Amino acid sequence: MAAIVYFRKVSETEEVVEYEFGDDPDRFERRLTMDKASCTSTVQDEQVDYTFLKASRKLNALHTERGVWPERGMSVS
């Protein structure tokens, strides 16, 4: 069974980047905040699940690869 998570940047400051994420690219229902200094993320609804972890890991991987926080993206496994 494939798992897909989509994400889109909502806002960015010097300290944090906020993303919407979910399994439907047309209807994001959740948000996460990435701390730029530590590259750690927190989820707004406090539900640490596979979808959140997948989005967080992909965001970190893209940031490491590109040197910037992505505007949008997806992760498939």
N, C-alpha and C. Protein backbone atom coordinates (compact mmCIF):
# COMPACT_ATOMS: atom_id res chain seq x y z
N MET A 1 0.84 -1.18 0.00
CA MET A 1 0.00 0.00 0.00
C MET A 1 0.88 1.24 0.00
N ALA A 2 0.63 2.17 -0.90
CA ALA A 2 1.40 3.41 -1.00
C ALA A 2 0.88 4.45 -0.02
N ALA A 3 1.81 5.25 0.47
CA ALA A 3 1.45 6.36 1.34
C ALA A 3 1.97 7.65 0.70
N ILE A 4 1.11 8.64 0.59
CA ILE A 4 1.47 9.92 -0.01
C ILE A 4 1.13 11.03 0.97
N VAL A 5 2.04 11.97 1.11
CA VAL A 5 1.76 13.17 1.89
C VAL A 5 2.20 14.38 1.06
N TYR A 6 1.34 15.39 1.02
CA TYR A 6 1.61 16.62 0.30
C TYR A 6 1.82 17.73 1.33
N PHE A 7 2.62 18.73 0.96
CA PHE A 7 2.81 19.87 1.86
C PHE A 7 2.99 21.15 1.05
N ARG A 8 2.65 22.29 1.71
CA ARG A 8 2.75 23.60 1.08
C ARG A 8 3.12 24.62 2.15
N LYS A 9 4.10 25.47 1.83
CA LYS A 9 4.54 26.51 2.78
C LYS A 9 3.43 27.54 2.94
N VAL A 10 3.17 27.89 4.20
CA VAL A 10 2.16 28.88 4.53
C VAL A 10 2.82 30.21 4.89
N SER A 11 3.90 30.14 5.67
CA SER A 11 4.59 31.35 6.09
C SER A 11 6.03 31.01 6.48
N GLU A 12 6.87 32.05 6.50
CA GLU A 12 8.26 31.87 6.89
C GLU A 12 8.76 33.14 7.56
N THR A 13 9.42 32.95 8.71
CA THR A 13 10.09 34.05 9.41
C THR A 13 11.56 33.69 9.52
N GLU A 14 12.33 34.50 10.20
CA GLU A 14 13.74 34.18 10.41
C GLU A 14 13.91 32.93 11.26
N GLU A 15 12.95 32.63 12.12
CA GLU A 15 13.07 31.51 13.05
C GLU A 15 12.36 30.23 12.63
N VAL A 16 11.20 30.34 11.98
CA VAL A 16 10.38 29.17 11.69
C VAL A 16 9.78 29.22 10.29
N VAL A 17 9.38 28.04 9.82
CA VAL A 17 8.63 27.91 8.58
C VAL A 17 7.38 27.10 8.92
N GLU A 18 6.24 27.56 8.47
CA GLU A 18 4.99 26.85 8.74
C GLU A 18 4.46 26.25 7.44
N TYR A 19 4.02 25.00 7.53
CA TYR A 19 3.49 24.27 6.38
C TYR A 19 2.11 23.70 6.69
N GLU A 20 1.29 23.62 5.64
CA GLU A 20 0.07 22.82 5.66
C GLU A 20 0.46 21.47 5.07
N PHE A 21 -0.18 20.40 5.53
CA PHE A 21 0.12 19.09 4.97
C PHE A 21 -1.07 18.16 5.09
N GLY A 22 -1.03 17.09 4.30
CA GLY A 22 -2.09 16.10 4.34
C GLY A 22 -2.02 15.17 3.14
N ASP A 23 -3.00 14.30 3.04
CA ASP A 23 -3.00 13.31 1.96
C ASP A 23 -3.80 13.75 0.74
N ASP A 24 -4.37 14.95 0.77
CA ASP A 24 -5.12 15.49 -0.36
C ASP A 24 -4.52 16.85 -0.74
N PRO A 25 -3.93 16.98 -1.92
CA PRO A 25 -3.27 18.24 -2.29
C PRO A 25 -4.24 19.42 -2.47
N ASP A 26 -5.52 19.14 -2.54
CA ASP A 26 -6.51 20.20 -2.69
C ASP A 26 -7.17 20.59 -1.38
N ARG A 27 -6.86 19.85 -0.32
CA ARG A 27 -7.51 20.13 0.96
C ARG A 27 -6.59 19.74 2.12
N PHE A 28 -5.72 20.65 2.50
CA PHE A 28 -4.84 20.41 3.63
C PHE A 28 -5.59 20.68 4.92
N GLU A 29 -5.49 19.76 5.85
CA GLU A 29 -6.23 19.91 7.10
C GLU A 29 -5.33 20.08 8.32
N ARG A 30 -4.03 19.92 8.13
CA ARG A 30 -3.11 19.97 9.27
C ARG A 30 -1.98 20.94 8.99
N ARG A 31 -1.30 21.36 10.07
CA ARG A 31 -0.16 22.27 9.95
C ARG A 31 0.98 21.79 10.84
N LEU A 32 2.19 22.09 10.36
CA LEU A 32 3.38 21.84 11.17
C LEU A 32 4.28 23.05 11.09
N THR A 33 5.07 23.23 12.13
CA THR A 33 6.03 24.33 12.19
C THR A 33 7.42 23.74 12.31
N MET A 34 8.32 24.20 11.44
CA MET A 34 9.70 23.74 11.43
C MET A 34 10.57 24.83 12.04
N ASP A 35 11.32 24.49 13.08
CA ASP A 35 12.28 25.40 13.69
C ASP A 35 13.54 25.39 12.83
N LYS A 36 13.91 26.53 12.28
CA LYS A 36 15.04 26.59 11.36
C LYS A 36 16.38 26.28 12.02
N ALA A 37 16.56 26.72 13.24
CA ALA A 37 17.84 26.53 13.93
C ALA A 37 18.11 25.06 14.24
N SER A 38 17.10 24.35 14.71
CA SER A 38 17.29 22.96 15.12
C SER A 38 16.79 21.95 14.09
N CYS A 39 16.07 22.43 13.08
CA CYS A 39 15.45 21.56 12.07
C CYS A 39 14.52 20.53 12.70
N THR A 40 13.86 20.93 13.78
CA THR A 40 12.86 20.07 14.41
C THR A 40 11.48 20.64 14.11
N SER A 41 10.51 19.77 14.09
CA SER A 41 9.16 20.19 13.76
C SER A 41 8.18 19.85 14.87
N THR A 42 7.12 20.64 14.92
CA THR A 42 6.01 20.36 15.83
C THR A 42 4.73 20.42 15.01
N VAL A 43 3.79 19.61 15.40
CA VAL A 43 2.53 19.57 14.68
C VAL A 43 1.48 20.31 15.51
N GLN A 44 0.68 21.12 14.85
CA GLN A 44 -0.28 21.97 15.52
C GLN A 44 -1.33 21.19 16.31
N ASP A 45 -1.79 20.08 15.77
CA ASP A 45 -2.85 19.33 16.45
C ASP A 45 -2.31 18.31 17.46
N GLU A 46 -0.98 18.31 17.66
CA GLU A 46 -0.30 17.43 18.63
C GLU A 46 -0.44 15.95 18.31
N GLN A 47 -0.88 15.61 17.11
CA GLN A 47 -1.04 14.22 16.69
C GLN A 47 0.21 13.79 15.92
N VAL A 48 1.16 13.18 16.63
CA VAL A 48 2.40 12.72 16.01
C VAL A 48 2.13 11.35 15.41
N ASP A 49 1.90 11.34 14.09
CA ASP A 49 1.57 10.10 13.40
C ASP A 49 2.46 9.95 12.17
N TYR A 50 2.22 8.92 11.39
CA TYR A 50 3.03 8.61 10.22
C TYR A 50 3.01 9.75 9.20
N THR A 51 1.87 10.35 8.97
CA THR A 51 1.75 11.44 8.00
C THR A 51 2.60 12.63 8.41
N PHE A 52 2.53 13.01 9.67
CA PHE A 52 3.35 14.11 10.18
C PHE A 52 4.84 13.78 10.06
N LEU A 53 5.23 12.59 10.50
CA LEU A 53 6.65 12.21 10.44
C LEU A 53 7.16 12.19 9.00
N LYS A 54 6.35 11.69 8.10
CA LYS A 54 6.73 11.62 6.68
C LYS A 54 6.92 13.01 6.11
N ALA A 55 6.01 13.93 6.38
CA ALA A 55 6.14 15.31 5.90
C ALA A 55 7.38 15.97 6.49
N SER A 56 7.57 15.82 7.78
CA SER A 56 8.71 16.43 8.47
C SER A 56 10.04 15.92 7.91
N ARG A 57 10.15 14.63 7.73
CA ARG A 57 11.39 14.06 7.20
C ARG A 57 11.66 14.53 5.77
N LYS A 58 10.64 14.59 4.95
CA LYS A 58 10.82 15.04 3.57
C LYS A 58 11.23 16.51 3.52
N LEU A 59 10.62 17.33 4.36
CA LEU A 59 10.99 18.75 4.42
C LEU A 59 12.46 18.91 4.80
N ASN A 60 12.89 18.17 5.81
CA ASN A 60 14.30 18.24 6.21
C ASN A 60 15.22 17.75 5.11
N ALA A 61 14.84 16.69 4.42
CA ALA A 61 15.68 16.15 3.34
C ALA A 61 15.80 17.16 2.20
N LEU A 62 14.70 17.80 1.83
CA LEU A 62 14.73 18.78 0.75
C LEU A 62 15.54 20.01 1.16
N HIS A 63 15.41 20.43 2.41
CA HIS A 63 16.20 21.56 2.90
C HIS A 63 17.68 21.24 2.87
N THR A 64 18.05 20.06 3.29
CA THR A 64 19.45 19.65 3.28
C THR A 64 19.98 19.60 1.85
N GLU A 65 19.19 19.07 0.95
CA GLU A 65 19.59 18.93 -0.45
C GLU A 65 19.70 20.27 -1.17
N ARG A 66 18.75 21.17 -0.93
CA ARG A 66 18.67 22.42 -1.70
C ARG A 66 19.20 23.66 -0.99
N GLY A 67 19.26 23.60 0.34
CA GLY A 67 19.71 24.74 1.11
C GLY A 67 18.64 25.80 1.36
N VAL A 68 17.41 25.52 0.94
CA VAL A 68 16.27 26.41 1.19
C VAL A 68 15.07 25.56 1.58
N TRP A 69 14.14 26.18 2.27
CA TRP A 69 12.91 25.46 2.64
C TRP A 69 11.99 25.45 1.42
N PRO A 70 11.49 24.30 1.01
CA PRO A 70 10.68 24.20 -0.21
C PRO A 70 9.33 24.91 -0.07
N GLU A 71 8.85 25.40 -1.21
CA GLU A 71 7.53 26.03 -1.25
C GLU A 71 6.42 25.00 -1.15
N ARG A 72 6.63 23.86 -1.78
CA ARG A 72 5.64 22.77 -1.77
C ARG A 72 6.34 21.49 -2.14
N GLY A 73 5.64 20.38 -1.96
CA GLY A 73 6.21 19.10 -2.35
C GLY A 73 5.34 17.94 -1.91
N MET A 74 5.91 16.77 -2.06
CA MET A 74 5.20 15.57 -1.66
C MET A 74 6.21 14.48 -1.35
N SER A 75 5.76 13.48 -0.65
CA SER A 75 6.58 12.31 -0.34
C SER A 75 5.72 11.07 -0.58
N VAL A 76 6.31 10.11 -1.27
CA VAL A 76 5.60 8.87 -1.61
C VAL A 76 6.44 7.70 -1.11
N SER A 77 5.78 6.73 -0.53
CA SER A 77 6.49 5.49 -0.14
C SER A 77 5.58 4.30 -0.36
